[in-house]
Amino acid sequence: YADFVKGRFTISRDNAKNTVYLQMNSLKPED
């Protein structure tokens, strides 16, 4: 992760669904 998203964003993937995700929490205007 980039330092500015550590602890707030989580990347994951489901290879069975051919999909990657980005869960974004505690969003800020600078996001």
PDB file of all heavy atoms in Angstrom:
ATOM      1  N   TYR A   1       0.823  -1.204   0.000  1.00  0.00           N
ATOM      2  CA  TYR A   1       0.000   0.000   0.000  1.00  0.00           C
ATOM      3  C   TYR A   1       0.858   1.256   0.000  1.00  0.00           C
ATOM      4  O   TYR A   1       1.943   1.290   0.580  1.00  0.00           O
ATOM      5  CB  TYR A   1      -0.892   0.024   1.241  1.00  0.00           C
ATOM      6  CG  TYR A   1      -1.887  -1.106   1.316  1.00  0.00           C
ATOM      7  CD1 TYR A   1      -1.584  -2.290   1.965  1.00  0.00           C
ATOM      8  CD2 TYR A   1      -3.143  -0.977   0.722  1.00  0.00           C
ATOM      9  CE1 TYR A   1      -2.494  -3.327   2.020  1.00  0.00           C
ATOM     10  CE2 TYR A   1      -4.068  -2.008   0.781  1.00  0.00           C
ATOM     11  CZ  TYR A   1      -3.726  -3.190   1.427  1.00  0.00           C
ATOM     12  OH  TYR A   1      -4.650  -4.210   1.488  1.00  0.00           O
ATOM     13  N   ALA A   2       0.303   2.286  -0.604  1.00  0.00           N
ATOM     14  CA  ALA A   2       0.887   3.614  -0.443  1.00  0.00           C
ATOM     15  C   ALA A   2       0.686   4.050   0.998  1.00  0.00           C
ATOM     16  O   ALA A   2      -0.322   3.701   1.630  1.00  0.00           O
ATOM     17  CB  ALA A   2       0.220   4.605  -1.390  1.00  0.00           C
ATOM     18  N   ASP A   3       1.626   4.815   1.505  1.00  0.00           N
ATOM     19  CA  ASP A   3       1.554   5.223   2.909  1.00  0.00           C
ATOM     20  C   ASP A   3       0.257   5.954   3.239  1.00  0.00           C
ATOM     21  O   ASP A   3      -0.298   5.808   4.328  1.00  0.00           O
ATOM     22  CB  ASP A   3       2.749   6.112   3.254  1.00  0.00           C
ATOM     23  CG  ASP A   3       4.052   5.336   3.371  1.00  0.00           C
ATOM     24  OD1 ASP A   3       3.985   4.091   3.488  1.00  0.00           O
ATOM     25  OD2 ASP A   3       5.121   5.973   3.330  1.00  0.00           O
ATOM     26  N   PHE A   4      -0.245   6.737   2.301  1.00  0.00           N
ATOM     27  CA  PHE A   4      -1.406   7.575   2.606  1.00  0.00           C
ATOM     28  C   PHE A   4      -2.713   6.783   2.688  1.00  0.00           C
ATOM     29  O   PHE A   4      -3.743   7.347   3.051  1.00  0.00           O
ATOM     30  CB  PHE A   4      -1.531   8.721   1.588  1.00  0.00           C
ATOM     31  CG  PHE A   4      -1.583   8.304   0.152  1.00  0.00           C
ATOM     32  CD1 PHE A   4      -2.736   7.787  -0.405  1.00  0.00           C
ATOM     33  CD2 PHE A   4      -0.463   8.428  -0.644  1.00  0.00           C
ATOM     34  CE1 PHE A   4      -2.777   7.398  -1.730  1.00  0.00           C
ATOM     35  CE2 PHE A   4      -0.475   8.049  -1.974  1.00  0.00           C
ATOM     36  CZ  PHE A   4      -1.637   7.533  -2.515  1.00  0.00           C
ATOM     37  N   VAL A   5      -2.704   5.484   2.375  1.00  0.00           N
ATOM     38  CA  VAL A   5      -3.922   4.684   2.508  1.00  0.00           C
ATOM     39  C   VAL A   5      -3.786   3.546   3.510  1.00  0.00           C
ATOM     40  O   VAL A   5      -4.761   2.842   3.778  1.00  0.00           O
ATOM     41  CB  VAL A   5      -4.402   4.118   1.160  1.00  0.00           C
ATOM     42  CG1 VAL A   5      -4.659   5.243   0.177  1.00  0.00           C
ATOM     43  CG2 VAL A   5      -3.440   3.089   0.596  1.00  0.00           C
ATOM     44  N   LYS A   6      -2.602   3.370   4.050  1.00  0.00           N
ATOM     45  CA  LYS A   6      -2.393   2.276   4.998  1.00  0.00           C
ATOM     46  C   LYS A   6      -3.350   2.405   6.182  1.00  0.00           C
ATOM     47  O   LYS A   6      -3.500   3.470   6.758  1.00  0.00           O
ATOM     48  CB  LYS A   6      -0.945   2.273   5.491  1.00  0.00           C
ATOM     49  CG  LYS A   6       0.033   1.704   4.497  1.00  0.00           C
ATOM     50  CD  LYS A   6       1.445   1.689   5.057  1.00  0.00           C
ATOM     51  CE  LYS A   6       2.430   1.130   4.038  1.00  0.00           C
ATOM     52  NZ  LYS A   6       3.832   1.175   4.544  1.00  0.00           N
ATOM     53  N   GLY A   7      -3.983   1.295   6.498  1.00  0.00           N
ATOM     54  CA  GLY A   7      -4.928   1.276   7.609  1.00  0.00           C
ATOM     55  C   GLY A   7      -6.332   1.714   7.229  1.00  0.00           C
ATOM     56  O   GLY A   7      -7.261   1.573   8.021  1.00  0.00           O
ATOM     57  N   ARG A   8      -6.488   2.255   6.028  1.00  0.00           N
ATOM     58  CA  ARG A   8      -7.819   2.712   5.585  1.00  0.00           C
ATOM     59  C   ARG A   8      -8.341   1.903   4.397  1.00  0.00           C
ATOM     60  O   ARG A   8      -9.539   1.634   4.313  1.00  0.00           O
ATOM     61  CB  ARG A   8      -7.773   4.193   5.198  1.00  0.00           C
ATOM     62  CG  ARG A   8      -7.351   5.123   6.307  1.00  0.00           C
ATOM     63  CD  ARG A   8      -7.573   6.587   5.922  1.00  0.00           C
ATOM     64  NE  ARG A   8      -6.783   6.977   4.754  1.00  0.00           N
ATOM     65  CZ  ARG A   8      -7.314   7.529   3.658  1.00  0.00           C
ATOM     66  NH1 ARG A   8      -8.615   7.736   3.571  1.00  0.00           N
ATOM     67  NH2 ARG A   8      -6.517   7.891   2.670  1.00  0.00           N
ATOM     68  N   PHE A   9      -7.464   1.532   3.480  1.00  0.00           N
ATOM     69  CA  PHE A   9      -7.855   0.812   2.268  1.00  0.00           C
ATOM     70  C   PHE A   9      -7.356  -0.628   2.352  1.00  0.00           C
ATOM     71  O   PHE A   9      -6.294  -0.908   2.919  1.00  0.00           O
ATOM     72  CB  PHE A   9      -7.235   1.463   1.030  1.00  0.00           C
ATOM     73  CG  PHE A   9      -7.780   2.816   0.673  1.00  0.00           C
ATOM     74  CD1 PHE A   9      -8.615   3.526   1.516  1.00  0.00           C
ATOM     75  CD2 PHE A   9      -7.423   3.403  -0.539  1.00  0.00           C
ATOM     76  CE1 PHE A   9      -9.094   4.787   1.175  1.00  0.00           C
ATOM     77  CE2 PHE A   9      -7.899   4.661  -0.904  1.00  0.00           C
ATOM     78  CZ  PHE A   9      -8.725   5.354  -0.037  1.00  0.00           C
ATOM     79  N   THR A  10      -8.117  -1.524   1.732  1.00  0.00           N
ATOM     80  CA  THR A  10      -7.730  -2.927   1.660  1.00  0.00           C
ATOM     81  C   THR A  10      -7.948  -3.441   0.245  1.00  0.00           C
ATOM     82  O   THR A  10      -9.047  -3.311  -0.305  1.00  0.00           O
ATOM     83  CB  THR A  10      -8.548  -3.792   2.631  1.00  0.00           C
ATOM     84  OG1 THR A  10      -8.386  -3.300   3.962  1.00  0.00           O
ATOM     85  CG2 THR A  10      -8.095  -5.242   2.569  1.00  0.00           C
ATOM     86  N   ILE A  11      -6.892  -3.998  -0.335  1.00  0.00           N
ATOM     87  CA  ILE A  11      -6.987  -4.604  -1.653  1.00  0.00           C
ATOM     88  C   ILE A  11      -7.164  -6.106  -1.478  1.00  0.00           C
ATOM     89  O   ILE A  11      -6.561  -6.725  -0.588  1.00  0.00           O
ATOM     90  CB  ILE A  11      -5.758  -4.277  -2.520  1.00  0.00           C
ATOM     91  CG1 ILE A  11      -5.956  -4.746  -3.958  1.00  0.00           C
ATOM     92  CG2 ILE A  11      -4.475  -4.834  -1.916  1.00  0.00           C
ATOM     93  CD1 ILE A  11      -4.861  -4.266  -4.921  1.00  0.00           C
ATOM     94  N   SER A  12      -7.997  -6.689  -2.323  1.00  0.00           N
ATOM     95  CA  SER A  12      -8.205  -8.133  -2.287  1.00  0.00           C
ATOM     96  C   SER A  12      -8.562  -8.594  -3.694  1.00  0.00           C
ATOM     97  O   SER A  12      -8.838  -7.769  -4.577  1.00  0.00           O
ATOM     98  CB  SER A  12      -9.318  -8.505  -1.298  1.00  0.00           C
ATOM     99  OG  SER A  12     -10.555  -7.922  -1.681  1.00  0.00           O
ATOM    100  N   ARG A  13      -8.568  -9.890  -3.891  1.00  0.00           N
ATOM    101  CA  ARG A  13      -8.918 -10.425  -5.203  1.00  0.00           C
ATOM    102  C   ARG A  13      -9.618 -11.760  -5.044  1.00  0.00           C
ATOM    103  O   ARG A  13      -9.396 -12.492  -4.070  1.00  0.00           O
ATOM    104  CB  ARG A  13      -7.678 -10.563  -6.088  1.00  0.00           C
ATOM    105  CG  ARG A  13      -6.679 -11.607  -5.648  1.00  0.00           C
ATOM    106  CD  ARG A  13      -5.384 -11.501  -6.470  1.00  0.00           C
ATOM    107  NE  ARG A  13      -5.600 -11.793  -7.878  1.00  0.00           N
ATOM    108  CZ  ARG A  13      -4.745 -11.437  -8.842  1.00  0.00           C
ATOM    109  NH1 ARG A  13      -3.634 -10.787  -8.541  1.00  0.00           N
ATOM    110  NH2 ARG A  13      -4.998 -11.762 -10.102  1.00  0.00           N
ATOM    111  N   ASP A  14     -10.451 -12.060  -6.026  1.00  0.00           N
ATOM    112  CA  ASP A  14     -11.123 -13.343  -6.105  1.00  0.00           C
ATOM    113  C   ASP A  14     -10.812 -13.904  -7.481  1.00  0.00           C
ATOM    114  O   ASP A  14     -11.422 -13.495  -8.481  1.00  0.00           O
ATOM    115  CB  ASP A  14     -12.632 -13.169  -5.900  1.00  0.00           C
ATOM    116  CG  ASP A  14     -13.378 -14.482  -5.839  1.00  0.00           C
ATOM    117  OD1 ASP A  14     -12.855 -15.491  -6.359  1.00  0.00           O
ATOM    118  OD2 ASP A  14     -14.486 -14.514  -5.295  1.00  0.00           O
ATOM    119  N   ASN A  15      -9.860 -14.804  -7.547  1.00  0.00           N
ATOM    120  CA  ASN A  15      -9.440 -15.328  -8.844  1.00  0.00           C
ATOM    121  C   ASN A  15     -10.525 -16.162  -9.510  1.00  0.00           C
ATOM    122  O   ASN A  15     -10.559 -16.278 -10.732  1.00  0.00           O
ATOM    123  CB  ASN A  15      -8.155 -16.123  -8.697  1.00  0.00           C
ATOM    124  CG  ASN A  15      -6.941 -15.229  -8.483  1.00  0.00           C
ATOM    125  OD1 ASN A  15      -7.001 -14.018  -8.728  1.00  0.00           O
ATOM    126  ND2 ASN A  15      -5.851 -15.804  -8.004  1.00  0.00           N
ATOM    127  N   ALA A  16     -11.417 -16.726  -8.724  1.00  0.00           N
ATOM    128  CA  ALA A  16     -12.523 -17.490  -9.306  1.00  0.00           C
ATOM    129  C   ALA A  16     -13.503 -16.583 -10.027  1.00  0.00           C
ATOM    130  O   ALA A  16     -14.191 -17.005 -10.958  1.00  0.00           O
ATOM    131  CB  ALA A  16     -13.241 -18.281  -8.225  1.00  0.00           C
ATOM    132  N   LYS A  17     -13.569 -15.320  -9.592  1.00  0.00           N
ATOM    133  CA  LYS A  17     -14.480 -14.357 -10.206  1.00  0.00           C
ATOM    134  C   LYS A  17     -13.755 -13.371 -11.110  1.00  0.00           C
ATOM    135  O   LYS A  17     -14.371 -12.437 -11.632  1.00  0.00           O
ATOM    136  CB  LYS A  17     -15.235 -13.592  -9.123  1.00  0.00           C
ATOM    137  CG  LYS A  17     -16.171 -14.460  -8.302  1.00  0.00           C
ATOM    138  CD  LYS A  17     -16.929 -13.625  -7.284  1.00  0.00           C
ATOM    139  CE  LYS A  17     -17.903 -14.497  -6.496  1.00  0.00           C
ATOM    140  NZ  LYS A  17     -18.667 -13.703  -5.485  1.00  0.00           N
ATOM    141  N   ASN A  18     -12.433 -13.542 -11.267  1.00  0.00           N
ATOM    142  CA  ASN A  18     -11.640 -12.639 -12.110  1.00  0.00           C
ATOM    143  C   ASN A  18     -11.826 -11.178 -11.704  1.00  0.00           C
ATOM    144  O   ASN A  18     -11.974 -10.289 -12.558  1.00  0.00           O
ATOM    145  CB  ASN A  18     -12.003 -12.800 -13.586  1.00  0.00           C
ATOM    146  CG  ASN A  18     -11.541 -14.124 -14.162  1.00  0.00           C
ATOM    147  OD1 ASN A  18     -10.812 -14.874 -13.511  1.00  0.00           O
ATOM    148  ND2 ASN A  18     -11.982 -14.438 -15.359  1.00  0.00           N
ATOM    149  N   THR A  19     -11.817 -10.942 -10.416  1.00  0.00           N
ATOM    150  CA  THR A  19     -12.124  -9.605  -9.913  1.00  0.00           C
ATOM    151  C   THR A  19     -11.151  -9.210  -8.802  1.00  0.00           C
ATOM    152  O   THR A  19     -10.799 -10.039  -7.960  1.00  0.00           O
ATOM    153  CB  THR A  19     -13.568  -9.550  -9.377  1.00  0.00           C
ATOM    154  OG1 THR A  19     -14.474  -9.918 -10.425  1.00  0.00           O
ATOM    155  CG2 THR A  19     -13.916  -8.149  -8.896  1.00  0.00           C
ATOM    156  N   VAL A  20     -10.752  -7.954  -8.836  1.00  0.00           N
ATOM    157  CA  VAL A  20      -9.960  -7.371  -7.757  1.00  0.00           C
ATOM    158  C   VAL A  20     -10.782  -6.244  -7.136  1.00  0.00           C
ATOM    159  O   VAL A  20     -11.550  -5.564  -7.820  1.00  0.00           O
ATOM    160  CB  VAL A  20      -8.588  -6.864  -8.266  1.00  0.00           C
ATOM    161  CG1 VAL A  20      -8.748  -5.776  -9.305  1.00  0.00           C
ATOM    162  CG2 VAL A  20      -7.707  -6.414  -7.120  1.00  0.00           C
ATOM    163  N   TYR A  21     -10.618  -6.089  -5.833  1.00  0.00           N
ATOM    164  CA  TYR A  21     -11.421  -5.124  -5.085  1.00  0.00           C
ATOM    165  C   TYR A  21     -10.526  -4.120  -4.361  1.00  0.00           C
ATOM    166  O   TYR A  21      -9.378  -4.399  -4.052  1.00  0.00           O
ATOM    167  CB  TYR A  21     -12.278  -5.845  -4.040  1.00  0.00           C
ATOM    168  CG  TYR A  21     -13.160  -6.924  -4.588  1.00  0.00           C
ATOM    169  CD1 TYR A  21     -12.763  -8.255  -4.564  1.00  0.00           C
ATOM    170  CD2 TYR A  21     -14.404  -6.614  -5.147  1.00  0.00           C
ATOM    171  CE1 TYR A  21     -13.567  -9.255  -5.078  1.00  0.00           C
ATOM    172  CE2 TYR A  21     -15.221  -7.613  -5.659  1.00  0.00           C
ATOM    173  CZ  TYR A  21     -14.791  -8.938  -5.620  1.00  0.00           C
ATOM    174  OH  TYR A  21     -15.599  -9.926  -6.130  1.00  0.00           O
ATOM    175  N   LEU A  22     -11.105  -2.981  -4.075  1.00  0.00           N
ATOM    176  CA  LEU A  22     -10.452  -2.004  -3.209  1.00  0.00           C
ATOM    177  C   LEU A  22     -11.498  -1.505  -2.222  1.00  0.00           C
ATOM    178  O   LEU A  22     -12.405  -0.759  -2.601  1.00  0.00           O
ATOM    179  CB  LEU A  22      -9.863  -0.843  -4.000  1.00  0.00           C
ATOM    180  CG  LEU A  22      -9.047   0.150  -3.174  1.00  0.00           C
ATOM    181  CD1 LEU A  22      -7.756  -0.516  -2.664  1.00  0.00           C
ATOM    182  CD2 LEU A  22      -8.700   1.392  -3.990  1.00  0.00           C
ATOM    183  N   GLN A  23     -11.394  -1.953  -0.993  1.00  0.00           N
ATOM    184  CA  GLN A  23     -12.276  -1.481   0.060  1.00  0.00           C
ATOM    185  C   GLN A  23     -11.674  -0.214   0.649  1.00  0.00           C
ATOM    186  O   GLN A  23     -10.538  -0.223   1.129  1.00  0.00           O
ATOM    187  CB  GLN A  23     -12.429  -2.535   1.155  1.00  0.00           C
ATOM    188  CG  GLN A  23     -13.270  -2.102   2.335  1.00  0.00           C
ATOM    189  CD  GLN A  23     -14.727  -1.897   1.971  1.00  0.00           C
ATOM    190  OE1 GLN A  23     -15.315  -2.702   1.266  1.00  0.00           O
ATOM    191  NE2 GLN A  23     -15.314  -0.790   2.448  1.00  0.00           N
ATOM    192  N   MET A  24     -12.430   0.866   0.605  1.00  0.00           N
ATOM    193  CA  MET A  24     -11.929   2.168   1.058  1.00  0.00           C
ATOM    194  C   MET A  24     -12.775   2.635   2.240  1.00  0.00           C
ATOM    195  O   MET A  24     -13.979   2.859   2.087  1.00  0.00           O
ATOM    196  CB  MET A  24     -11.994   3.188  -0.079  1.00  0.00           C
ATOM    197  CG  MET A  24     -11.273   2.727  -1.340  1.00  0.00           C
ATOM    198  SD  MET A  24     -11.170   4.010  -2.603  1.00  0.00           S
ATOM    199  CE  MET A  24     -12.898   4.234  -2.981  1.00  0.00           C
ATOM    200  N   ASN A  25     -12.145   2.755   3.378  1.00  0.00           N
ATOM    201  CA  ASN A  25     -12.809   3.219   4.593  1.00  0.00           C
ATOM    202  C   ASN A  25     -12.212   4.548   5.041  1.00  0.00           C
ATOM    203  O   ASN A  25     -11.131   4.937   4.597  1.00  0.00           O
ATOM    204  CB  ASN A  25     -12.655   2.179   5.707  1.00  0.00           C
ATOM    205  CG  ASN A  25     -13.276   0.844   5.364  1.00  0.00           C
ATOM    206  OD1 ASN A  25     -14.274   0.774   4.648  1.00  0.00           O
ATOM    207  ND2 ASN A  25     -12.687  -0.225   5.879  1.00  0.00           N
ATOM    208  N   SER A  26     -12.925   5.222   5.930  1.00  0.00           N
ATOM    209  CA  SER A  26     -12.450   6.499   6.484  1.00  0.00           C
ATOM    210  C   SER A  26     -12.000   7.442   5.376  1.00  0.00           C
ATOM    211  O   SER A  26     -10.921   8.039   5.440  1.00  0.00           O
ATOM    212  CB  SER A  26     -11.303   6.257   7.471  1.00  0.00           C
ATOM    213  OG  SER A  26     -11.698   5.388   8.508  1.00  0.00           O
ATOM    214  N   LEU A  27     -12.823   7.573   4.382  1.00  0.00           N
ATOM    215  CA  LEU A  27     -12.460   8.389   3.219  1.00  0.00           C
ATOM    216  C   LEU A  27     -12.317   9.850   3.586  1.00  0.00           C
ATOM    217  O   LEU A  27     -13.036  10.370   4.454  1.00  0.00           O
ATOM    218  CB  LEU A  27     -13.487   8.195   2.114  1.00  0.00           C
ATOM    219  CG  LEU A  27     -13.340   6.879   1.329  1.00  0.00           C
ATOM    220  CD1 LEU A  27     -14.612   6.539   0.585  1.00  0.00           C
ATOM    221  CD2 LEU A  27     -12.165   6.974   0.378  1.00  0.00           C
ATOM    222  N   LYS A  28     -11.387  10.499   2.900  1.00  0.00           N
ATOM    223  CA  LYS A  28     -11.092  11.913   3.110  1.00  0.00           C
ATOM    224  C   LYS A  28     -11.316  12.670   1.811  1.00  0.00           C
ATOM    225  O   LYS A  28     -11.217  12.075   0.721  1.00  0.00           O
ATOM    226  CB  LYS A  28      -9.632  12.082   3.534  1.00  0.00           C
ATOM    227  CG  LYS A  28      -9.221  11.265   4.750  1.00  0.00           C
ATOM    228  CD  LYS A  28      -7.726  11.402   5.013  1.00  0.00           C
ATOM    229  CE  LYS A  28      -7.288  10.555   6.205  1.00  0.00           C
ATOM    230  NZ  LYS A  28      -5.826  10.680   6.448  1.00  0.00           N
ATOM    231  N   PRO A  29     -11.568  13.956   1.880  1.00  0.00           N
ATOM    232  CA  PRO A  29     -11.733  14.733   0.639  1.00  0.00           C
ATOM    233  C   PRO A  29     -10.533  14.594  -0.295  1.00  0.00           C
ATOM    234  O   PRO A  29     -10.714  14.591  -1.525  1.00  0.00           O
ATOM    235  CB  PRO A  29     -11.892  16.166   1.154  1.00  0.00           C
ATOM    236  CG  PRO A  29     -12.525  16.004   2.494  1.00  0.00           C
ATOM    237  CD  PRO A  29     -11.897  14.768   3.067  1.00  0.00           C
ATOM    238  N   GLU A  30      -9.349  14.444   0.247  1.00  0.00           N
ATOM    239  CA  GLU A  30      -8.161  14.306  -0.602  1.00  0.00           C
ATOM    240  C   GLU A  30      -8.083  12.957  -1.311  1.00  0.00           C
ATOM    241  O   GLU A  30      -7.203  12.743  -2.148  1.00  0.00           O
ATOM    242  CB  GLU A  30      -6.882  14.542   0.212  1.00  0.00           C
ATOM    243  CG  GLU A  30      -6.782  13.729   1.488  1.00  0.00           C
ATOM    244  CD  GLU A  30      -7.239  14.511   2.715  1.00  0.00           C
ATOM    245  OE1 GLU A  30      -8.289  15.200   2.641  1.00  0.00           O
ATOM    246  OE2 GLU A  30      -6.545  14.420   3.757  1.00  0.00           O
ATOM    247  N   ASP A  31      -9.000  12.049  -1.015  1.00  0.00           N
ATOM    248  CA  ASP A  31      -9.077  10.790  -1.752  1.00  0.00           C
ATOM    249  C   ASP A  31      -9.870  10.943  -3.043  1.00  0.00           C
ATOM    250  O   ASP A  31      -9.958   9.989  -3.832  1.00  0.00           O
ATOM    251  CB  ASP A  31      -9.736   9.703  -0.897  1.00  0.00           C
ATOM    252  CG  ASP A  31      -8.899   9.313   0.304  1.00  0.00           C
ATOM    253  OD1 ASP A  31      -7.662   9.190   0.158  1.00  0.00           O
ATOM    254  OD2 ASP A  31      -9.476   9.117   1.386  1.00  0.00           O
TER     255      ASP A  31
END
